[in-house]
Amino acid sequence: MTAIDSRAHVAAAPGMFSRVSATLNNWYNTRVTRRELSRLSDRELDDIGLVRGDIDRIARGL
């Protein structure tokens, strides 16, 4: 009879869940930032040194 060690799979699970959580959190923050910046007028964007074309880049943190 062969012994099966399932501890390796259990140890990997927290890392996987934290990566998924971080990815979802990043996606949500990008979405919120993009939405909030899109709500600003062109004048307000100009006041903070942005143009509408910058929104996606800024939201993605680039």
N, C-alpha and C. Protein backbone atom coordinates (compact mmCIF):
# COMPACT_ATOMS: atom_id res chain seq x y z
N MET A 1 0.84 -1.18 0.00
CA MET A 1 0.00 0.00 0.00
C MET A 1 0.89 1.25 0.00
N THR A 2 0.54 2.22 -0.79
CA THR A 2 1.32 3.44 -0.92
C THR A 2 0.70 4.53 -0.05
N ALA A 3 1.56 5.22 0.67
CA ALA A 3 1.08 6.34 1.49
C ALA A 3 0.96 7.58 0.62
N ILE A 4 -0.08 8.35 0.83
CA ILE A 4 -0.30 9.58 0.08
C ILE A 4 -0.15 10.75 1.03
N ASP A 5 0.70 11.67 0.62
CA ASP A 5 0.93 12.86 1.44
C ASP A 5 0.19 14.03 0.79
N SER A 6 -0.91 14.45 1.37
CA SER A 6 -1.70 15.53 0.79
C SER A 6 -1.34 16.90 1.36
N ARG A 7 -0.37 16.96 2.24
CA ARG A 7 0.02 18.24 2.85
C ARG A 7 0.54 19.23 1.82
N ALA A 8 1.21 18.77 0.80
CA ALA A 8 1.76 19.68 -0.21
C ALA A 8 0.63 20.43 -0.92
N HIS A 9 -0.48 19.76 -1.16
CA HIS A 9 -1.60 20.42 -1.82
C HIS A 9 -2.28 21.42 -0.89
N VAL A 10 -2.37 21.10 0.35
CA VAL A 10 -2.99 22.00 1.31
C VAL A 10 -2.13 23.24 1.50
N ALA A 11 -0.83 23.07 1.53
CA ALA A 11 0.07 24.21 1.71
C ALA A 11 0.01 25.15 0.51
N ALA A 12 -0.24 24.62 -0.67
CA ALA A 12 -0.30 25.45 -1.87
C ALA A 12 -1.57 26.28 -1.93
N ALA A 13 -2.62 25.80 -1.30
CA ALA A 13 -3.92 26.48 -1.39
C ALA A 13 -3.89 27.91 -0.86
N PRO A 14 -3.30 28.22 0.29
CA PRO A 14 -3.31 29.62 0.76
C PRO A 14 -2.63 30.56 -0.22
N GLY A 15 -1.56 30.13 -0.84
CA GLY A 15 -0.88 30.97 -1.82
C GLY A 15 -1.75 31.24 -3.03
N MET A 16 -2.47 30.22 -3.47
CA MET A 16 -3.35 30.37 -4.61
C MET A 16 -4.49 31.33 -4.27
N PHE A 17 -5.08 31.18 -3.11
CA PHE A 17 -6.18 32.04 -2.72
C PHE A 17 -5.73 33.49 -2.54
N SER A 18 -4.55 33.69 -2.01
CA SER A 18 -4.06 35.07 -1.85
C SER A 18 -3.78 35.70 -3.21
N ARG A 19 -3.29 34.92 -4.17
CA ARG A 19 -3.06 35.46 -5.53
C ARG A 19 -4.38 35.82 -6.20
N VAL A 20 -5.38 34.96 -6.05
CA VAL A 20 -6.69 35.25 -6.63
C VAL A 20 -7.29 36.49 -5.97
N SER A 21 -7.17 36.56 -4.67
CA SER A 21 -7.68 37.72 -3.93
C SER A 21 -6.98 39.00 -4.37
N ALA A 22 -5.67 38.95 -4.51
CA ALA A 22 -4.91 40.13 -4.94
C ALA A 22 -5.31 40.55 -6.35
N THR A 23 -5.53 39.59 -7.23
CA THR A 23 -5.93 39.88 -8.60
C THR A 23 -7.30 40.54 -8.64
N LEU A 24 -8.24 40.00 -7.88
CA LEU A 24 -9.58 40.58 -7.83
C LEU A 24 -9.55 41.97 -7.21
N ASN A 25 -8.76 42.16 -6.18
CA ASN A 25 -8.63 43.46 -5.53
C ASN A 25 -8.05 44.48 -6.50
N ASN A 26 -7.04 44.10 -7.24
CA ASN A 26 -6.42 44.98 -8.23
C ASN A 26 -7.42 45.35 -9.33
N TRP A 27 -8.17 44.36 -9.81
CA TRP A 27 -9.18 44.61 -10.83
C TRP A 27 -10.22 45.60 -10.32
N TYR A 28 -10.69 45.41 -9.10
CA TYR A 28 -11.71 46.28 -8.52
C TYR A 28 -11.17 47.72 -8.36
N ASN A 29 -9.96 47.86 -7.85
CA ASN A 29 -9.38 49.19 -7.67
C ASN A 29 -9.19 49.91 -9.00
N THR A 30 -8.78 49.17 -10.02
CA THR A 30 -8.63 49.75 -11.36
C THR A 30 -9.97 50.23 -11.89
N ARG A 31 -10.99 49.42 -11.69
CA ARG A 31 -12.34 49.75 -12.14
C ARG A 31 -12.86 51.01 -11.45
N VAL A 32 -12.70 51.08 -10.14
CA VAL A 32 -13.17 52.24 -9.38
C VAL A 32 -12.41 53.50 -9.79
N THR A 33 -11.10 53.40 -9.94
CA THR A 33 -10.31 54.56 -10.34
C THR A 33 -10.73 55.06 -11.72
N ARG A 34 -10.91 54.12 -12.65
CA ARG A 34 -11.33 54.50 -14.00
C ARG A 34 -12.70 55.18 -13.96
N ARG A 35 -13.62 54.64 -13.18
CA ARG A 35 -14.96 55.21 -13.09
C ARG A 35 -14.92 56.62 -12.49
N GLU A 36 -14.16 56.79 -11.42
CA GLU A 36 -14.10 58.11 -10.76
C GLU A 36 -13.44 59.15 -11.66
N LEU A 37 -12.37 58.79 -12.31
CA LEU A 37 -11.72 59.75 -13.22
C LEU A 37 -12.61 60.08 -14.41
N SER A 38 -13.36 59.11 -14.88
CA SER A 38 -14.26 59.34 -16.02
C SER A 38 -15.38 60.30 -15.67
N ARG A 39 -15.73 60.37 -14.41
CA ARG A 39 -16.80 61.28 -13.97
C ARG A 39 -16.35 62.74 -13.91
N LEU A 40 -15.05 62.98 -13.93
CA LEU A 40 -14.54 64.34 -13.88
C LEU A 40 -14.74 65.03 -15.23
N SER A 41 -14.95 66.32 -15.17
CA SER A 41 -15.05 67.10 -16.42
C SER A 41 -13.65 67.28 -17.01
N ASP A 42 -13.61 67.71 -18.26
CA ASP A 42 -12.31 67.97 -18.89
C ASP A 42 -11.56 69.07 -18.13
N ARG A 43 -12.28 70.04 -17.62
CA ARG A 43 -11.66 71.13 -16.84
C ARG A 43 -11.04 70.57 -15.55
N GLU A 44 -11.76 69.70 -14.85
CA GLU A 44 -11.24 69.10 -13.62
C GLU A 44 -10.02 68.23 -13.90
N LEU A 45 -10.08 67.48 -15.00
CA LEU A 45 -8.92 66.66 -15.37
C LEU A 45 -7.72 67.56 -15.67
N ASP A 46 -7.95 68.66 -16.38
CA ASP A 46 -6.88 69.60 -16.69
C ASP A 46 -6.29 70.18 -15.41
N ASP A 47 -7.13 70.44 -14.41
CA ASP A 47 -6.65 70.99 -13.14
C ASP A 47 -5.65 70.06 -12.45
N ILE A 48 -5.81 68.75 -12.66
CA ILE A 48 -4.89 67.80 -12.03
C ILE A 48 -3.84 67.28 -13.03
N GLY A 49 -3.78 67.94 -14.18
CA GLY A 49 -2.73 67.62 -15.14
C GLY A 49 -2.98 66.39 -15.99
N LEU A 50 -4.25 66.06 -16.20
CA LEU A 50 -4.59 64.88 -17.00
C LEU A 50 -5.49 65.26 -18.16
N VAL A 51 -5.50 64.40 -19.15
CA VAL A 51 -6.49 64.49 -20.23
C VAL A 51 -7.24 63.17 -20.26
N ARG A 52 -8.38 63.16 -20.92
CA ARG A 52 -9.21 61.97 -20.93
C ARG A 52 -8.45 60.72 -21.39
N GLY A 53 -7.52 60.89 -22.30
CA GLY A 53 -6.74 59.77 -22.80
C GLY A 53 -5.81 59.14 -21.77
N ASP A 54 -5.56 59.85 -20.68
CA ASP A 54 -4.68 59.33 -19.62
C ASP A 54 -5.40 58.40 -18.64
N ILE A 55 -6.72 58.42 -18.65
CA ILE A 55 -7.49 57.72 -17.61
C ILE A 55 -7.14 56.24 -17.53
N ASP A 56 -7.14 55.54 -18.64
CA ASP A 56 -6.87 54.10 -18.60
C ASP A 56 -5.48 53.80 -18.07
N ARG A 57 -4.50 54.56 -18.53
CA ARG A 57 -3.12 54.35 -18.08
C ARG A 57 -2.99 54.61 -16.58
N ILE A 58 -3.59 55.67 -16.11
CA ILE A 58 -3.54 56.01 -14.68
C ILE A 58 -4.27 54.95 -13.86
N ALA A 59 -5.42 54.52 -14.33
CA ALA A 59 -6.20 53.52 -13.59
C ALA A 59 -5.44 52.21 -13.46
N ARG A 60 -4.68 51.85 -14.49
CA ARG A 60 -3.90 50.61 -14.43
C ARG A 60 -2.61 50.77 -13.65
N GLY A 61 -2.32 52.00 -13.24
CA GLY A 61 -1.14 52.24 -12.42
C GLY A 61 0.16 52.28 -13.20
N LEU A 62 0.08 52.59 -14.48
CA LEU A 62 1.29 52.64 -15.32
C LEU A 62 1.85 54.04 -15.39
